[in-house]
Amino acid sequence: MNLDAFKASLSAPMPPPQASVYLQALWHEAKGDWDKAHILIQDLPDKTAAWLHAYLHRKEGDTWNADYWYSRAGRKRPEISLQQEWESIVTDLLQV
């Protein structure tokens, strides 16, 4: 799957069956269900989950909390749009 196919899946009622929990979270967030996305990743202890957690809090407008999670992910808050960051994360995760 590539970014375009993942974006196309947003018209479906459920995320692609082969999508990782991280991609499922980003899928739900793109569909407007921030809470579902947050629930999927909030208790995962790895750096990828922290990166998504940071993105979600950045989207929410909670910069302090986002910066905390970017730090846990070993990253800095990017100076790109939220849409660009979402696409960057999806693209990165699709390559794994």
PDB file of N, CA and C in Angstrom:
ATOM      1  N   MET A   1       0.845  -1.171   0.000  1.00  0.00           N
ATOM      2  CA  MET A   1       0.000   0.000   0.000  1.00  0.00           C
ATOM      3  C   MET A   1       0.894   1.237   0.000  1.00  0.00           C
ATOM      4  N   ASN A   2       0.454   2.279  -0.677  1.00  0.00           N
ATOM      5  CA  ASN A   2       1.177   3.543  -0.679  1.00  0.00           C
ATOM      6  C   ASN A   2       0.277   4.636  -0.108  1.00  0.00           C
ATOM      7  N   LEU A   3       0.797   5.852  -0.051  1.00  0.00           N
ATOM      8  CA  LEU A   3       0.059   6.963   0.540  1.00  0.00           C
ATOM      9  C   LEU A   3      -1.271   7.194  -0.171  1.00  0.00           C
ATOM     10  N   ASP A   4      -1.264   7.179  -1.494  1.00  0.00           N
ATOM     11  CA  ASP A   4      -2.506   7.419  -2.237  1.00  0.00           C
ATOM     12  C   ASP A   4      -3.551   6.351  -1.943  1.00  0.00           C
ATOM     13  N   ALA A   5      -3.141   5.110  -1.868  1.00  0.00           N
ATOM     14  CA  ALA A   5      -4.081   4.027  -1.558  1.00  0.00           C
ATOM     15  C   ALA A   5      -4.603   4.167  -0.131  1.00  0.00           C
ATOM     16  N   PHE A   6      -3.731   4.568   0.789  1.00  0.00           N
ATOM     17  CA  PHE A   6      -4.173   4.759   2.164  1.00  0.00           C
ATOM     18  C   PHE A   6      -5.186   5.895   2.244  1.00  0.00           C
ATOM     19  N   LYS A   7      -4.908   6.993   1.546  1.00  0.00           N
ATOM     20  CA  LYS A   7      -5.856   8.109   1.517  1.00  0.00           C
ATOM     21  C   LYS A   7      -7.188   7.665   0.906  1.00  0.00           C
ATOM     22  N   ALA A   8      -7.130   6.863  -0.142  1.00  0.00           N
ATOM     23  CA  ALA A   8      -8.355   6.377  -0.782  1.00  0.00           C
ATOM     24  C   ALA A   8      -9.166   5.511   0.176  1.00  0.00           C
ATOM     25  N   SER A   9      -8.486   4.830   1.083  1.00  0.00           N
ATOM     26  CA  SER A   9      -9.189   3.963   2.040  1.00  0.00           C
ATOM     27  C   SER A   9     -10.043   4.770   3.016  1.00  0.00           C
ATOM     28  N   LEU A  10      -9.827   6.072   3.077  1.00  0.00           N
ATOM     29  CA  LEU A  10     -10.599   6.913   3.987  1.00  0.00           C
ATOM     30  C   LEU A  10     -12.075   6.978   3.596  1.00  0.00           C
ATOM     31  N   SER A  11     -12.398   6.562   2.377  1.00  0.00           N
ATOM     32  CA  SER A  11     -13.799   6.539   1.960  1.00  0.00           C
ATOM     33  C   SER A  11     -14.499   5.261   2.429  1.00  0.00           C
ATOM     34  N   ALA A  12     -13.747   4.312   2.949  1.00  0.00           N
ATOM     35  CA  ALA A  12     -14.311   3.050   3.443  1.00  0.00           C
ATOM     36  C   ALA A  12     -14.799   3.230   4.880  1.00  0.00           C
ATOM     37  N   PRO A  13     -15.664   2.329   5.341  1.00  0.00           N
ATOM     38  CA  PRO A  13     -16.168   2.441   6.711  1.00  0.00           C
ATOM     39  C   PRO A  13     -15.186   1.972   7.792  1.00  0.00           C
ATOM     40  N   MET A  14     -14.176   1.218   7.397  1.00  0.00           N
ATOM     41  CA  MET A  14     -13.190   0.690   8.344  1.00  0.00           C
ATOM     42  C   MET A  14     -11.793   0.847   7.737  1.00  0.00           C
ATOM     43  N   PRO A  15     -10.756   0.911   8.592  1.00  0.00           N
ATOM     44  CA  PRO A  15      -9.392   1.000   8.063  1.00  0.00           C
ATOM     45  C   PRO A  15      -9.022  -0.281   7.318  1.00  0.00           C
ATOM     46  N   PRO A  16      -8.018  -0.202   6.454  1.00  0.00           N
ATOM     47  CA  PRO A  16      -7.583  -1.409   5.745  1.00  0.00           C
ATOM     48  C   PRO A  16      -7.242  -2.522   6.736  1.00  0.00           C
ATOM     49  N   PRO A  17      -7.638  -3.756   6.446  1.00  0.00           N
ATOM     50  CA  PRO A  17      -7.422  -4.853   7.406  1.00  0.00           C
ATOM     51  C   PRO A  17      -5.956  -5.106   7.731  1.00  0.00           C
ATOM     52  N   GLN A  18      -5.047  -4.789   6.820  1.00  0.00           N
ATOM     53  CA  GLN A  18      -3.629  -5.029   7.059  1.00  0.00           C
ATOM     54  C   GLN A  18      -2.946  -3.860   7.771  1.00  0.00           C
ATOM     55  N   ALA A  19      -3.692  -2.809   8.080  1.00  0.00           N
ATOM     56  CA  ALA A  19      -3.107  -1.619   8.700  1.00  0.00           C
ATOM     57  C   ALA A  19      -2.661  -1.905  10.136  1.00  0.00           C
ATOM     58  N   SER A  20      -1.469  -1.445  10.449  1.00  0.00           N
ATOM     59  CA  SER A  20      -0.961  -1.555  11.821  1.00  0.00           C
ATOM     60  C   SER A  20      -1.827  -0.696  12.746  1.00  0.00           C
ATOM     61  N   VAL A  21      -1.656  -0.872  14.032  1.00  0.00           N
ATOM     62  CA  VAL A  21      -2.407  -0.060  14.984  1.00  0.00           C
ATOM     63  C   VAL A  21      -2.088   1.422  14.794  1.00  0.00           C
ATOM     64  N   TYR A  22      -0.859   1.727  14.394  1.00  0.00           N
ATOM     65  CA  TYR A  22      -0.465   3.117  14.168  1.00  0.00           C
ATOM     66  C   TYR A  22      -1.221   3.706  12.979  1.00  0.00           C
ATOM     67  N   LEU A  23      -1.265   2.941  11.891  1.00  0.00           N
ATOM     68  CA  LEU A  23      -2.004   3.404  10.714  1.00  0.00           C
ATOM     69  C   LEU A  23      -3.502   3.466  10.991  1.00  0.00           C
ATOM     70  N   GLN A  24      -4.001   2.546  11.787  1.00  0.00           N
ATOM     71  CA  GLN A  24      -5.414   2.608  12.161  1.00  0.00           C
ATOM     72  C   GLN A  24      -5.696   3.910  12.913  1.00  0.00           C
ATOM     73  N   ALA A  25      -4.803   4.284  13.817  1.00  0.00           N
ATOM     74  CA  ALA A  25      -4.982   5.529  14.567  1.00  0.00           C
ATOM     75  C   ALA A  25      -5.002   6.727  13.625  1.00  0.00           C
ATOM     76  N   LEU A  26      -4.078   6.770  12.690  1.00  0.00           N
ATOM     77  CA  LEU A  26      -4.035   7.887  11.744  1.00  0.00           C
ATOM     78  C   LEU A  26      -5.249   7.889  10.821  1.00  0.00           C
ATOM     79  N   TRP A  27      -5.733   6.705  10.488  1.00  0.00           N
ATOM     80  CA  TRP A  27      -6.935   6.579   9.662  1.00  0.00           C
ATOM     81  C   TRP A  27      -8.132   7.171  10.400  1.00  0.00           C
ATOM     82  N   HIS A  28      -8.299   6.790  11.667  1.00  0.00           N
ATOM     83  CA  HIS A  28      -9.426   7.308  12.450  1.00  0.00           C
ATOM     84  C   HIS A  28      -9.313   8.822  12.647  1.00  0.00           C
ATOM     85  N   GLU A  29      -8.102   9.296  12.887  1.00  0.00           N
ATOM     86  CA  GLU A  29      -7.913  10.731  13.070  1.00  0.00           C
ATOM     87  C   GLU A  29      -8.295  11.472  11.788  1.00  0.00           C
ATOM     88  N   ALA A  30      -7.898  10.956  10.652  1.00  0.00           N
ATOM     89  CA  ALA A  30      -8.225  11.598   9.373  1.00  0.00           C
ATOM     90  C   ALA A  30      -9.728  11.596   9.113  1.00  0.00           C
ATOM     91  N   LYS A  31     -10.411  10.630   9.677  1.00  0.00           N
ATOM     92  CA  LYS A  31     -11.869  10.551   9.528  1.00  0.00           C
ATOM     93  C   LYS A  31     -12.591  11.421  10.567  1.00  0.00           C
ATOM     94  N   GLY A  32     -11.832  12.116  11.411  1.00  0.00           N
ATOM     95  CA  GLY A  32     -12.421  13.010  12.392  1.00  0.00           C
ATOM     96  C   GLY A  32     -12.654  12.406  13.759  1.00  0.00           C
ATOM     97  N   ASP A  33     -12.132  11.203  13.981  1.00  0.00           N
ATOM     98  CA  ASP A  33     -12.332  10.550  15.278  1.00  0.00           C
ATOM     99  C   ASP A  33     -11.026  10.591  16.080  1.00  0.00           C
ATOM    100  N   TRP A  34     -10.704  11.781  16.591  1.00  0.00           N
ATOM    101  CA  TRP A  34      -9.488  11.988  17.361  1.00  0.00           C
ATOM    102  C   TRP A  34      -9.456  11.073  18.573  1.00  0.00           C
ATOM    103  N   ASP A  35     -10.600  10.940  19.244  1.00  0.00           N
ATOM    104  CA  ASP A  35     -10.646  10.119  20.459  1.00  0.00           C
ATOM    105  C   ASP A  35     -10.283   8.666  20.179  1.00  0.00           C
ATOM    106  N   LYS A  36     -10.808   8.100  19.115  1.00  0.00           N
ATOM    107  CA  LYS A  36     -10.495   6.703  18.756  1.00  0.00           C
ATOM    108  C   LYS A  36      -9.001   6.576  18.470  1.00  0.00           C
ATOM    109  N   ALA A  37      -8.456   7.528  17.725  1.00  0.00           N
ATOM    110  CA  ALA A  37      -7.021   7.504  17.422  1.00  0.00           C
ATOM    111  C   ALA A  37      -6.202   7.544  18.706  1.00  0.00           C
ATOM    112  N   HIS A  38      -6.578   8.407  19.615  1.00  0.00           N
ATOM    113  CA  HIS A  38      -5.854   8.565  20.875  1.00  0.00           C
ATOM    114  C   HIS A  38      -5.935   7.291  21.711  1.00  0.00           C
ATOM    115  N   ILE A  39      -7.109   6.693  21.784  1.00  0.00           N
ATOM    116  CA  ILE A  39      -7.289   5.451  22.545  1.00  0.00           C
ATOM    117  C   ILE A  39      -6.385   4.349  21.997  1.00  0.00           C
ATOM    118  N   LEU A  40      -6.253   4.270  20.680  1.00  0.00           N
ATOM    119  CA  LEU A  40      -5.450   3.206  20.070  1.00  0.00           C
ATOM    120  C   LEU A  40      -3.970   3.293  20.430  1.00  0.00           C
ATOM    121  N   ILE A  41      -3.448   4.491  20.619  1.00  0.00           N
ATOM    122  CA  ILE A  41      -1.993   4.610  20.815  1.00  0.00           C
ATOM    123  C   ILE A  41      -1.568   5.098  22.200  1.00  0.00           C
ATOM    124  N   GLN A  42      -2.482   5.583  23.000  1.00  0.00           N
ATOM    125  CA  GLN A  42      -2.078   6.251  24.242  1.00  0.00           C
ATOM    126  C   GLN A  42      -1.324   5.366  25.230  1.00  0.00           C
ATOM    127  N   ASP A  43      -1.563   4.077  25.229  1.00  0.00           N
ATOM    128  CA  ASP A  43      -0.897   3.208  26.201  1.00  0.00           C
ATOM    129  C   ASP A  43       0.244   2.378  25.614  1.00  0.00           C
ATOM    130  N   LEU A  44       0.556   2.609  24.349  1.00  0.00           N
ATOM    131  CA  LEU A  44       1.671   1.878  23.738  1.00  0.00           C
ATOM    132  C   LEU A  44       2.980   2.548  24.150  1.00  0.00           C
ATOM    133  N   PRO A  45       3.985   1.770  24.563  1.00  0.00           N
ATOM    134  CA  PRO A  45       5.188   2.339  25.159  1.00  0.00           C
ATOM    135  C   PRO A  45       6.323   2.691  24.190  1.00  0.00           C
ATOM    136  N   ASP A  46       6.136   2.503  22.890  1.00  0.00           N
ATOM    137  CA  ASP A  46       7.250   2.677  21.961  1.00  0.00           C
ATOM    138  C   ASP A  46       7.312   4.092  21.368  1.00  0.00           C
ATOM    139  N   LYS A  47       8.416   4.366  20.685  1.00  0.00           N
ATOM    140  CA  LYS A  47       8.651   5.697  20.121  1.00  0.00           C
ATOM    141  C   LYS A  47       7.694   6.033  18.979  1.00  0.00           C
ATOM    142  N   THR A  48       7.256   5.036  18.240  1.00  0.00           N
ATOM    143  CA  THR A  48       6.300   5.306  17.164  1.00  0.00           C
ATOM    144  C   THR A  48       4.983   5.789  17.754  1.00  0.00           C
ATOM    145  N   ALA A  49       4.524   5.131  18.790  1.00  0.00           N
ATOM    146  CA  ALA A  49       3.293   5.561  19.460  1.00  0.00           C
ATOM    147  C   ALA A  49       3.465   6.965  20.038  1.00  0.00           C
ATOM    148  N   ALA A  50       4.631   7.251  20.595  1.00  0.00           N
ATOM    149  CA  ALA A  50       4.889   8.587  21.132  1.00  0.00           C
ATOM    150  C   ALA A  50       4.827   9.629  20.021  1.00  0.00           C
ATOM    151  N   TRP A  51       5.348   9.300  18.835  1.00  0.00           N
ATOM    152  CA  TRP A  51       5.307  10.221  17.698  1.00  0.00           C
ATOM    153  C   TRP A  51       3.852  10.518  17.311  1.00  0.00           C
ATOM    154  N   LEU A  52       3.039   9.477  17.225  1.00  0.00           N
ATOM    155  CA  LEU A  52       1.631   9.681  16.891  1.00  0.00           C
ATOM    156  C   LEU A  52       0.911  10.441  18.002  1.00  0.00           C
ATOM    157  N   HIS A  53       1.246  10.123  19.235  1.00  0.00           N
ATOM    158  CA  HIS A  53       0.657  10.810  20.377  1.00  0.00           C
ATOM    159  C   HIS A  53       0.989  12.302  20.293  1.00  0.00           C
ATOM    160  N   ALA A  54       2.233  12.611  19.951  1.00  0.00           N
ATOM    161  CA  ALA A  54       2.654  14.004  19.791  1.00  0.00           C
ATOM    162  C   ALA A  54       1.851  14.689  18.694  1.00  0.00           C
ATOM    163  N   TYR A  55       1.735  14.034  17.549  1.00  0.00           N
ATOM    164  CA  TYR A  55       0.973  14.599  16.436  1.00  0.00           C
ATOM    165  C   TYR A  55      -0.471  14.878  16.863  1.00  0.00           C
ATOM    166  N   LEU A  56      -1.080  13.917  17.550  1.00  0.00           N
ATOM    167  CA  LEU A  56      -2.479  14.092  17.965  1.00  0.00           C
ATOM    168  C   LEU A  56      -2.642  15.297  18.893  1.00  0.00           C
ATOM    169  N   HIS A  57      -1.703  15.459  19.840  1.00  0.00           N
ATOM    170  CA  HIS A  57      -1.813  16.599  20.751  1.00  0.00           C
ATOM    171  C   HIS A  57      -1.474  17.912  20.048  1.00  0.00           C
ATOM    172  N   ARG A  58      -0.600  17.861  19.054  1.00  0.00           N
ATOM    173  CA  ARG A  58      -0.346  19.055  18.241  1.00  0.00           C
ATOM    174  C   ARG A  58      -1.623  19.431  17.498  1.00  0.00           C
ATOM    175  N   LYS A  59      -2.283  18.449  16.937  1.00  0.00           N
ATOM    176  CA  LYS A  59      -3.537  18.706  16.208  1.00  0.00           C
ATOM    177  C   LYS A  59      -4.586  19.278  17.154  1.00  0.00           C
ATOM    178  N   GLU A  60      -4.605  18.773  18.366  1.00  0.00           N
ATOM    179  CA  GLU A  60      -5.554  19.225  19.375  1.00  0.00           C
ATOM    180  C   GLU A  60      -5.268  20.674  19.809  1.00  0.00           C
ATOM    181  N   GLY A  61      -4.041  21.132  19.569  1.00  0.00           N
ATOM    182  CA  GLY A  61      -3.652  22.477  19.980  1.00  0.00           C
ATOM    183  C   GLY A  61      -2.967  22.524  21.333  1.00  0.00           C
ATOM    184  N   ASP A  62      -2.643  21.364  21.883  1.00  0.00           N
ATOM    185  CA  ASP A  62      -1.984  21.265  23.189  1.00  0.00           C
ATOM    186  C   ASP A  62      -0.474  21.157  22.957  1.00  0.00           C
ATOM    187  N   THR A  63       0.139  22.290  22.691  1.00  0.00           N
ATOM    188  CA  THR A  63       1.549  22.324  22.305  1.00  0.00           C
ATOM    189  C   THR A  63       2.475  21.777  23.385  1.00  0.00           C
ATOM    190  N   TRP A  64       2.223  22.134  24.638  1.00  0.00           N
ATOM    191  CA  TRP A  64       3.077  21.639  25.714  1.00  0.00           C
ATOM    192  C   TRP A  64       3.070  20.121  25.750  1.00  0.00           C
ATOM    193  N   ASN A  65       1.890  19.525  25.706  1.00  0.00           N
ATOM    194  CA  ASN A  65       1.759  18.070  25.739  1.00  0.00           C
ATOM    195  C   ASN A  65       2.372  17.449  24.478  1.00  0.00           C
ATOM    196  N   ALA A  66       2.147  18.075  23.344  1.00  0.00           N
ATOM    197  CA  ALA A  66       2.739  17.582  22.097  1.00  0.00           C
ATOM    198  C   ALA A  66       4.263  17.552  22.208  1.00  0.00           C
ATOM    199  N   ASP A  67       4.839  18.636  22.717  1.00  0.00           N
ATOM    200  CA  ASP A  67       6.304  18.688  22.848  1.00  0.00           C
ATOM    201  C   ASP A  67       6.827  17.603  23.779  1.00  0.00           C
ATOM    202  N   TYR A  68       6.100  17.316  24.844  1.00  0.00           N
ATOM    203  CA  TYR A  68       6.481  16.221  25.740  1.00  0.00           C
ATOM    204  C   TYR A  68       6.541  14.908  24.958  1.00  0.00           C
ATOM    205  N   TRP A  69       5.524  14.625  24.148  1.00  0.00           N
ATOM    206  CA  TRP A  69       5.483  13.375  23.395  1.00  0.00           C
ATOM    207  C   TRP A  69       6.487  13.355  22.252  1.00  0.00           C
ATOM    208  N   TYR A  70       6.740  14.500  21.623  1.00  0.00           N
ATOM    209  CA  TYR A  70       7.810  14.531  20.614  1.00  0.00           C
ATOM    210  C   TYR A  70       9.138  14.168  21.275  1.00  0.00           C
ATOM    211  N   SER A  71       9.371  14.690  22.471  1.00  0.00           N
ATOM    212  CA  SER A  71      10.594  14.363  23.202  1.00  0.00           C
ATOM    213  C   SER A  71      10.671  12.868  23.484  1.00  0.00           C
ATOM    214  N   ARG A  72       9.571  12.268  23.914  1.00  0.00           N
ATOM    215  CA  ARG A  72       9.543  10.816  24.175  1.00  0.00           C
ATOM    216  C   ARG A  72       9.814  10.018  22.897  1.00  0.00           C
ATOM    217  N   ALA A  73       9.442  10.605  21.760  1.00  0.00           N
ATOM    218  CA  ALA A  73       9.658   9.939  20.475  1.00  0.00           C
ATOM    219  C   ALA A  73      11.062  10.202  19.926  1.00  0.00           C
ATOM    220  N   GLY A  74      11.832  11.051  20.607  1.00  0.00           N
ATOM    221  CA  GLY A  74      13.169  11.399  20.125  1.00  0.00           C
ATOM    222  C   GLY A  74      13.116  12.341  18.937  1.00  0.00           C
ATOM    223  N   ARG A  75      12.085  13.188  18.895  1.00  0.00           N
ATOM    224  CA  ARG A  75      11.879  14.111  17.768  1.00  0.00           C
ATOM    225  C   ARG A  75      11.601  15.511  18.287  1.00  0.00           C
ATOM    226  N   LYS A  76      11.657  16.462  17.373  1.00  0.00           N
ATOM    227  CA  LYS A  76      11.250  17.828  17.672  1.00  0.00           C
ATOM    228  C   LYS A  76       9.969  18.112  16.905  1.00  0.00           C
ATOM    229  N   ARG A  77       9.161  19.013  17.467  1.00  0.00           N
ATOM    230  CA  ARG A  77       7.928  19.397  16.776  1.00  0.00           C
ATOM    231  C   ARG A  77       8.303  19.972  15.411  1.00  0.00           C
ATOM    232  N   PRO A  78       7.707  19.433  14.345  1.00  0.00           N
ATOM    233  CA  PRO A  78       8.059  19.912  13.005  1.00  0.00           C
ATOM    234  C   PRO A  78       7.438  21.272  12.714  1.00  0.00           C
ATOM    235  N   GLU A  79       8.044  21.973  11.794  1.00  0.00           N
ATOM    236  CA  GLU A  79       7.518  23.268  11.370  1.00  0.00           C
ATOM    237  C   GLU A  79       6.877  23.128  10.003  1.00  0.00           C
ATOM    238  N   ILE A  80       6.019  22.143   9.893  1.00  0.00           N
ATOM    239  CA  ILE A  80       5.249  21.899   8.677  1.00  0.00           C
ATOM    240  C   ILE A  80       3.779  21.841   9.077  1.00  0.00           C
ATOM    241  N   SER A  81       2.907  21.861   8.082  1.00  0.00           N
ATOM    242  CA  SER A  81       1.478  21.812   8.397  1.00  0.00           C
ATOM    243  C   SER A  81       1.119  20.459   8.999  1.00  0.00           C
ATOM    244  N   LEU A  82      -0.018  20.418   9.667  1.00  0.00           N
ATOM    245  CA  LEU A  82      -0.506  19.157  10.218  1.00  0.00           C
ATOM    246  C   LEU A  82      -0.748  18.145   9.112  1.00  0.00           C
ATOM    247  N   GLN A  83      -1.273  18.587   7.979  1.00  0.00           N
ATOM    248  CA  GLN A  83      -1.507  17.671   6.863  1.00  0.00           C
ATOM    249  C   GLN A  83      -0.188  17.093   6.349  1.00  0.00           C
ATOM    250  N   GLN A  84       0.828  17.933   6.247  1.00  0.00           N
ATOM    251  CA  GLN A  84       2.139  17.450   5.794  1.00  0.00           C
ATOM    252  C   GLN A  84       2.715  16.452   6.801  1.00  0.00           C
ATOM    253  N   GLU A  85       2.544  16.736   8.077  1.00  0.00           N
ATOM    254  CA  GLU A  85       3.060  15.804   9.083  1.00  0.00           C
ATOM    255  C   GLU A  85       2.304  14.478   9.010  1.00  0.00           C
ATOM    256  N   TRP A  86       0.974  14.533   8.887  1.00  0.00           N
ATOM    257  CA  TRP A  86       0.171  13.307   8.774  1.00  0.00           C
ATOM    258  C   TRP A  86       0.661  12.472   7.595  1.00  0.00           C
ATOM    259  N   GLU A  87       0.854  13.105   6.459  1.00  0.00           N
ATOM    260  CA  GLU A  87       1.327  12.383   5.274  1.00  0.00           C
ATOM    261  C   GLU A  87       2.722  11.819   5.480  1.00  0.00           C
ATOM    262  N   SER A  88       3.570  12.567   6.155  1.00  0.00           N
ATOM    263  CA  SER A  88       4.931  12.104   6.431  1.00  0.00           C
ATOM    264  C   SER A  88       4.916  10.874   7.336  1.00  0.00           C
ATOM    265  N   ILE A  89       4.090  10.911   8.370  1.00  0.00           N
ATOM    266  CA  ILE A  89       4.004   9.771   9.290  1.00  0.00           C
ATOM    267  C   ILE A  89       3.449   8.553   8.562  1.00  0.00           C
ATOM    268  N   VAL A  90       2.364   8.743   7.818  1.00  0.00           N
ATOM    269  CA  VAL A  90       1.760   7.622   7.074  1.00  0.00           C
ATOM    270  C   VAL A  90       2.785   7.018   6.122  1.00  0.00           C
ATOM    271  N   THR A  91       3.472   7.869   5.369  1.00  0.00           N
ATOM    272  CA  THR A  91       4.465   7.383   4.412  1.00  0.00           C
ATOM    273  C   THR A  91       5.547   6.586   5.118  1.00  0.00           C
ATOM    274  N   ASP A  92       6.025   7.094   6.247  1.00  0.00           N
ATOM    275  CA  ASP A  92       7.051   6.397   7.017  1.00  0.00           C
ATOM    276  C   ASP A  92       6.544   5.036   7.489  1.00  0.00           C
ATOM    277  N   LEU A  93       5.335   4.993   8.004  1.00  0.00           N
ATOM    278  CA  LEU A  93       4.784   3.748   8.524  1.00  0.00           C
ATOM    279  C   LEU A  93       4.490   2.735   7.420  1.00  0.00           C
ATOM    280  N   LEU A  94       4.154   3.192   6.251  1.00  0.00           N
ATOM    281  CA  LEU A  94       3.882   2.284   5.138  1.00  0.00           C
ATOM    282  C   LEU A  94       5.151   1.616   4.632  1.00  0.00           C
ATOM    283  N   GLN A  95       6.299   2.212   4.934  1.00  0.00           N
ATOM    284  CA  GLN A  95       7.574   1.634   4.490  1.00  0.00           C
ATOM    285  C   GLN A  95       8.098   0.587   5.451  1.00  0.00           C
ATOM    286  N   VAL A  96       7.490   0.460   6.596  1.00  0.00           N
ATOM    287  CA  VAL A  96       7.961  -0.508   7.606  1.00  0.00           C
ATOM    288  C   VAL A  96       7.489  -1.898   7.249  1.00  0.00           C
TER     289      VAL A  96
END
